[in-house]
Amino acid sequence: MVFNDMEFCPDCGAMLMPKKGIIRCRCGFEKSLSNEDIKKQYYMDGEKNPEAKVIVTDSNNVALPTTTITCYKCGGTKGYWWTVQTRSADEAPTNFIRCAKCGNTWRSSN
């Protein structure tokens, strides 16, 4: 993303953003801007890639790492796993497993 020259308050140094063609600072500074000023100083030009592909997935397409498991509900052998810090930072994180076949989820014993 490209930012052009931003304007800052000459009194307190705060970054100024336009609203309805005027920039106002909390300290009381105020200045009117032309449309050209707004375009030059506040327009943000993001990445443009006409070749970018959008991937559409459904709920069966899970983007988690997999492991070999044995599900105690259905006997499935493929599971997704992830880690969550469920307690304080000085304690070990909790590992979760989800059966790819039936969706049964449980905490790992590791």
N, C-alpha and C. Protein backbone atom coordinates (compact mmCIF):
# COMPACT_ATOMS: atom_id res chain seq x y z
N MET A 1 0.85 -1.16 0.00
CA MET A 1 0.00 0.00 0.00
C MET A 1 0.90 1.23 0.00
N VAL A 2 0.55 2.22 -0.80
CA VAL A 2 1.37 3.41 -0.92
C VAL A 2 0.64 4.57 -0.26
N PHE A 3 1.31 5.22 0.70
CA PHE A 3 0.78 6.42 1.31
C PHE A 3 1.54 7.60 0.74
N ASN A 4 0.82 8.61 0.34
CA ASN A 4 1.47 9.83 -0.12
C ASN A 4 1.78 10.69 1.10
N ASP A 5 2.13 11.95 0.87
CA ASP A 5 2.46 12.85 1.98
C ASP A 5 1.25 13.06 2.88
N MET A 6 1.37 12.61 4.13
CA MET A 6 0.31 12.82 5.11
C MET A 6 0.53 14.18 5.75
N GLU A 7 -0.53 14.74 6.28
CA GLU A 7 -0.42 16.04 6.93
C GLU A 7 -0.54 15.86 8.44
N PHE A 8 0.28 16.60 9.16
CA PHE A 8 0.30 16.54 10.61
C PHE A 8 0.00 17.92 11.18
N CYS A 9 -0.60 17.94 12.35
CA CYS A 9 -0.95 19.19 13.01
C CYS A 9 0.31 19.98 13.33
N PRO A 10 0.38 21.25 12.93
CA PRO A 10 1.56 22.05 13.23
C PRO A 10 1.65 22.43 14.71
N ASP A 11 0.54 22.30 15.44
CA ASP A 11 0.54 22.67 16.86
C ASP A 11 0.95 21.51 17.77
N CYS A 12 0.37 20.30 17.54
CA CYS A 12 0.64 19.19 18.47
C CYS A 12 1.29 17.97 17.81
N GLY A 13 1.35 17.94 16.46
CA GLY A 13 2.02 16.84 15.77
C GLY A 13 1.14 15.64 15.46
N ALA A 14 -0.16 15.67 15.79
CA ALA A 14 -1.06 14.55 15.52
C ALA A 14 -1.29 14.41 14.01
N MET A 15 -1.46 13.16 13.54
CA MET A 15 -1.77 12.92 12.14
C MET A 15 -3.20 13.39 11.88
N LEU A 16 -3.39 14.07 10.77
CA LEU A 16 -4.69 14.64 10.44
C LEU A 16 -5.34 13.87 9.31
N MET A 17 -6.60 13.49 9.48
CA MET A 17 -7.37 12.80 8.44
C MET A 17 -8.53 13.69 8.03
N PRO A 18 -8.83 13.75 6.73
CA PRO A 18 -9.90 14.63 6.27
C PRO A 18 -11.28 14.06 6.55
N LYS A 19 -12.21 14.96 6.79
CA LYS A 19 -13.62 14.60 6.92
C LYS A 19 -14.41 15.72 6.29
N LYS A 20 -15.08 15.41 5.20
CA LYS A 20 -15.87 16.38 4.46
C LYS A 20 -15.05 17.59 4.04
N GLY A 21 -13.83 17.35 3.58
CA GLY A 21 -13.00 18.41 3.04
C GLY A 21 -12.30 19.29 4.06
N ILE A 22 -12.36 18.91 5.33
CA ILE A 22 -11.73 19.69 6.39
C ILE A 22 -10.90 18.74 7.26
N ILE A 23 -9.74 19.22 7.68
CA ILE A 23 -8.98 18.47 8.67
C ILE A 23 -9.04 19.24 9.97
N ARG A 24 -9.42 18.52 11.04
CA ARG A 24 -9.52 19.12 12.36
C ARG A 24 -8.68 18.29 13.33
N CYS A 25 -8.02 18.96 14.21
CA CYS A 25 -7.23 18.30 15.24
C CYS A 25 -7.92 18.47 16.58
N ARG A 26 -7.68 17.54 17.48
CA ARG A 26 -8.28 17.62 18.81
C ARG A 26 -7.78 18.83 19.60
N CYS A 27 -6.63 19.38 19.18
CA CYS A 27 -6.10 20.56 19.88
C CYS A 27 -6.74 21.86 19.39
N GLY A 28 -7.55 21.78 18.31
CA GLY A 28 -8.25 22.97 17.82
C GLY A 28 -7.81 23.44 16.44
N PHE A 29 -6.70 22.96 15.93
CA PHE A 29 -6.24 23.34 14.59
C PHE A 29 -7.26 22.87 13.56
N GLU A 30 -7.51 23.70 12.54
CA GLU A 30 -8.46 23.35 11.48
C GLU A 30 -7.97 23.92 10.16
N LYS A 31 -8.18 23.17 9.08
CA LYS A 31 -7.77 23.61 7.76
C LYS A 31 -8.70 23.00 6.72
N SER A 32 -9.12 23.81 5.73
CA SER A 32 -9.93 23.32 4.62
C SER A 32 -9.02 22.74 3.55
N LEU A 33 -9.48 21.66 2.90
CA LEU A 33 -8.71 21.01 1.84
C LEU A 33 -9.49 21.01 0.54
N SER A 34 -8.77 21.13 -0.56
CA SER A 34 -9.40 20.99 -1.87
C SER A 34 -9.46 19.50 -2.20
N ASN A 35 -10.27 19.14 -3.18
CA ASN A 35 -10.35 17.74 -3.63
C ASN A 35 -8.98 17.25 -4.09
N GLU A 36 -8.21 18.13 -4.73
CA GLU A 36 -6.86 17.77 -5.19
C GLU A 36 -5.94 17.49 -4.01
N ASP A 37 -6.06 18.29 -2.94
CA ASP A 37 -5.26 18.05 -1.73
C ASP A 37 -5.59 16.68 -1.14
N ILE A 38 -6.87 16.37 -1.05
CA ILE A 38 -7.29 15.09 -0.47
C ILE A 38 -6.75 13.93 -1.30
N LYS A 39 -6.88 14.03 -2.63
CA LYS A 39 -6.39 12.97 -3.50
C LYS A 39 -4.87 12.82 -3.39
N LYS A 40 -4.17 13.94 -3.35
CA LYS A 40 -2.71 13.91 -3.31
C LYS A 40 -2.18 13.39 -1.97
N GLN A 41 -2.79 13.83 -0.87
CA GLN A 41 -2.23 13.52 0.45
C GLN A 41 -2.84 12.31 1.14
N TYR A 42 -4.08 11.93 0.82
CA TYR A 42 -4.76 10.90 1.60
C TYR A 42 -5.23 9.70 0.80
N TYR A 43 -5.05 9.70 -0.49
CA TYR A 43 -5.47 8.57 -1.31
C TYR A 43 -4.49 7.42 -1.11
N MET A 44 -5.02 6.21 -0.87
CA MET A 44 -4.18 5.03 -0.69
C MET A 44 -4.38 4.09 -1.87
N ASP A 45 -3.30 3.74 -2.51
CA ASP A 45 -3.36 2.89 -3.68
C ASP A 45 -2.89 1.50 -3.30
N GLY A 46 -3.80 0.54 -3.25
CA GLY A 46 -3.46 -0.83 -2.88
C GLY A 46 -2.96 -1.62 -4.06
N GLU A 47 -2.58 -2.86 -3.80
CA GLU A 47 -2.08 -3.74 -4.84
C GLU A 47 -3.21 -4.09 -5.80
N LYS A 48 -2.90 -4.05 -7.08
CA LYS A 48 -3.88 -4.40 -8.10
C LYS A 48 -3.30 -5.52 -8.95
N ASN A 49 -3.94 -6.67 -8.91
CA ASN A 49 -3.47 -7.82 -9.66
C ASN A 49 -4.66 -8.47 -10.35
N PRO A 50 -4.87 -8.17 -11.63
CA PRO A 50 -6.02 -8.75 -12.33
C PRO A 50 -5.91 -10.26 -12.50
N GLU A 51 -4.72 -10.83 -12.33
CA GLU A 51 -4.52 -12.26 -12.47
C GLU A 51 -4.78 -13.03 -11.16
N ALA A 52 -5.05 -12.31 -10.07
CA ALA A 52 -5.25 -12.97 -8.78
C ALA A 52 -6.46 -13.89 -8.85
N LYS A 53 -6.31 -15.08 -8.32
CA LYS A 53 -7.39 -16.07 -8.30
C LYS A 53 -8.02 -16.11 -6.92
N VAL A 54 -9.33 -16.17 -6.87
CA VAL A 54 -10.05 -16.31 -5.62
C VAL A 54 -10.46 -17.77 -5.50
N ILE A 55 -10.07 -18.38 -4.39
CA ILE A 55 -10.38 -19.78 -4.18
C ILE A 55 -11.65 -19.87 -3.34
N VAL A 56 -12.67 -20.53 -3.86
CA VAL A 56 -13.92 -20.70 -3.15
C VAL A 56 -13.94 -22.13 -2.61
N THR A 57 -14.18 -22.24 -1.31
CA THR A 57 -14.20 -23.56 -0.68
C THR A 57 -15.51 -23.76 0.04
N ASP A 58 -15.75 -25.00 0.46
CA ASP A 58 -16.92 -25.29 1.27
C ASP A 58 -16.44 -25.75 2.65
N SER A 59 -17.36 -26.14 3.50
CA SER A 59 -16.99 -26.52 4.87
C SER A 59 -16.21 -27.83 4.92
N ASN A 60 -16.16 -28.59 3.84
CA ASN A 60 -15.39 -29.83 3.82
C ASN A 60 -13.92 -29.60 3.52
N ASN A 61 -13.56 -28.39 3.10
CA ASN A 61 -12.18 -28.08 2.76
C ASN A 61 -11.54 -27.36 3.95
N VAL A 62 -10.82 -28.10 4.78
CA VAL A 62 -10.25 -27.56 6.00
C VAL A 62 -8.77 -27.27 5.79
N ALA A 63 -8.32 -26.09 6.21
CA ALA A 63 -6.93 -25.70 6.04
C ALA A 63 -6.17 -25.84 7.36
N LEU A 64 -6.15 -27.05 7.91
CA LEU A 64 -5.42 -27.35 9.13
C LEU A 64 -4.47 -28.50 8.86
N PRO A 65 -3.40 -28.61 9.64
CA PRO A 65 -2.51 -29.75 9.46
C PRO A 65 -3.23 -31.05 9.85
N THR A 66 -2.82 -32.15 9.24
CA THR A 66 -3.45 -33.44 9.52
C THR A 66 -2.49 -34.40 10.20
N THR A 67 -3.06 -35.40 10.85
CA THR A 67 -2.29 -36.44 11.50
C THR A 67 -3.09 -37.74 11.45
N THR A 68 -2.43 -38.85 11.71
CA THR A 68 -3.11 -40.15 11.77
C THR A 68 -3.64 -40.34 13.18
N ILE A 69 -4.95 -40.62 13.27
CA ILE A 69 -5.60 -40.79 14.57
C ILE A 69 -6.52 -42.00 14.50
N THR A 70 -7.13 -42.34 15.62
CA THR A 70 -8.24 -43.29 15.65
C THR A 70 -9.35 -42.62 16.44
N CYS A 71 -10.42 -42.25 15.72
CA CYS A 71 -11.55 -41.58 16.36
C CYS A 71 -12.31 -42.59 17.21
N TYR A 72 -12.58 -42.23 18.45
CA TYR A 72 -13.29 -43.14 19.35
C TYR A 72 -14.79 -43.21 19.06
N LYS A 73 -15.32 -42.32 18.20
CA LYS A 73 -16.75 -42.37 17.87
C LYS A 73 -17.02 -43.15 16.58
N CYS A 74 -16.21 -42.87 15.53
CA CYS A 74 -16.51 -43.48 14.23
C CYS A 74 -15.39 -44.38 13.71
N GLY A 75 -14.23 -44.36 14.35
CA GLY A 75 -13.11 -45.17 13.88
C GLY A 75 -12.31 -44.52 12.77
N GLY A 76 -12.60 -43.25 12.44
CA GLY A 76 -11.87 -42.54 11.38
C GLY A 76 -10.38 -42.48 11.69
N THR A 77 -9.57 -42.42 10.64
CA THR A 77 -8.12 -42.48 10.83
C THR A 77 -7.39 -41.19 10.44
N LYS A 78 -8.11 -40.18 9.97
CA LYS A 78 -7.48 -38.90 9.62
C LYS A 78 -8.04 -37.83 10.54
N GLY A 79 -7.14 -37.02 11.13
CA GLY A 79 -7.58 -35.97 12.03
C GLY A 79 -6.87 -34.67 11.75
N TYR A 80 -7.57 -33.58 12.00
CA TYR A 80 -6.98 -32.24 11.92
C TYR A 80 -6.57 -31.86 13.33
N TRP A 81 -5.48 -31.09 13.46
CA TRP A 81 -5.04 -30.68 14.80
C TRP A 81 -4.69 -29.21 14.82
N TRP A 82 -4.83 -28.60 16.00
CA TRP A 82 -4.43 -27.22 16.22
C TRP A 82 -4.14 -27.03 17.71
N THR A 83 -3.46 -25.96 18.03
CA THR A 83 -3.04 -25.67 19.39
C THR A 83 -3.63 -24.33 19.83
N VAL A 84 -4.13 -24.28 21.09
CA VAL A 84 -4.70 -23.05 21.64
C VAL A 84 -4.13 -22.84 23.04
N GLN A 85 -3.79 -21.60 23.36
CA GLN A 85 -3.34 -21.26 24.71
C GLN A 85 -4.58 -21.01 25.54
N THR A 86 -5.09 -22.04 26.23
CA THR A 86 -6.36 -21.93 26.95
C THR A 86 -6.20 -21.45 28.38
N ARG A 87 -4.99 -21.54 28.92
CA ARG A 87 -4.73 -21.09 30.29
C ARG A 87 -3.68 -19.99 30.27
N SER A 88 -3.09 -19.69 31.40
CA SER A 88 -2.11 -18.61 31.46
C SER A 88 -0.88 -18.94 30.62
N ALA A 89 -0.12 -17.92 30.27
CA ALA A 89 1.01 -18.06 29.35
C ALA A 89 2.12 -18.95 29.90
N ASP A 90 2.20 -19.10 31.22
CA ASP A 90 3.26 -19.94 31.76
C ASP A 90 2.89 -21.42 31.81
N GLU A 91 1.70 -21.78 31.34
CA GLU A 91 1.28 -23.19 31.27
C GLU A 91 1.29 -23.65 29.82
N ALA A 92 1.39 -24.96 29.64
CA ALA A 92 1.46 -25.53 28.29
C ALA A 92 0.16 -25.27 27.52
N PRO A 93 0.26 -25.08 26.19
CA PRO A 93 -0.96 -24.90 25.38
C PRO A 93 -1.74 -26.22 25.29
N THR A 94 -3.01 -26.12 24.90
CA THR A 94 -3.87 -27.28 24.74
C THR A 94 -3.92 -27.67 23.27
N ASN A 95 -3.72 -28.95 22.98
CA ASN A 95 -3.79 -29.46 21.61
C ASN A 95 -5.16 -30.08 21.38
N PHE A 96 -5.77 -29.75 20.24
CA PHE A 96 -7.08 -30.30 19.89
C PHE A 96 -6.95 -31.14 18.63
N ILE A 97 -7.80 -32.17 18.53
CA ILE A 97 -7.88 -33.05 17.36
C ILE A 97 -9.33 -33.06 16.90
N ARG A 98 -9.56 -33.01 15.59
CA ARG A 98 -10.91 -33.14 15.02
C ARG A 98 -10.89 -34.24 13.98
N CYS A 99 -11.77 -35.20 14.10
CA CYS A 99 -11.87 -36.30 13.14
C CYS A 99 -12.35 -35.74 11.80
N ALA A 100 -11.62 -36.06 10.73
CA ALA A 100 -11.98 -35.59 9.40
C ALA A 100 -13.24 -36.26 8.87
N LYS A 101 -13.57 -37.43 9.41
CA LYS A 101 -14.73 -38.20 8.93
C LYS A 101 -16.04 -37.72 9.57
N CYS A 102 -16.07 -37.63 10.91
CA CYS A 102 -17.33 -37.31 11.59
C CYS A 102 -17.35 -35.94 12.27
N GLY A 103 -16.19 -35.27 12.39
CA GLY A 103 -16.13 -33.95 13.01
C GLY A 103 -16.02 -33.97 14.53
N ASN A 104 -15.95 -35.16 15.12
CA ASN A 104 -15.78 -35.27 16.56
C ASN A 104 -14.49 -34.57 16.97
N THR A 105 -14.55 -33.74 18.03
CA THR A 105 -13.39 -32.96 18.46
C THR A 105 -13.07 -33.29 19.91
N TRP A 106 -11.78 -33.43 20.21
CA TRP A 106 -11.35 -33.70 21.58
C TRP A 106 -9.97 -33.11 21.82
N ARG A 107 -9.61 -33.05 23.11
CA ARG A 107 -8.28 -32.57 23.49
C ARG A 107 -7.31 -33.72 23.36
N SER A 108 -6.13 -33.39 22.90
CA SER A 108 -5.07 -34.40 22.76
C SER A 108 -4.50 -34.72 24.14
N SER A 109 -4.06 -35.95 24.32
CA SER A 109 -3.50 -36.36 25.60
C SER A 109 -2.02 -35.98 25.72
N ASN A 110 -1.42 -35.39 24.68
CA ASN A 110 0.01 -35.02 24.73
C ASN A 110 0.20 -33.74 25.47
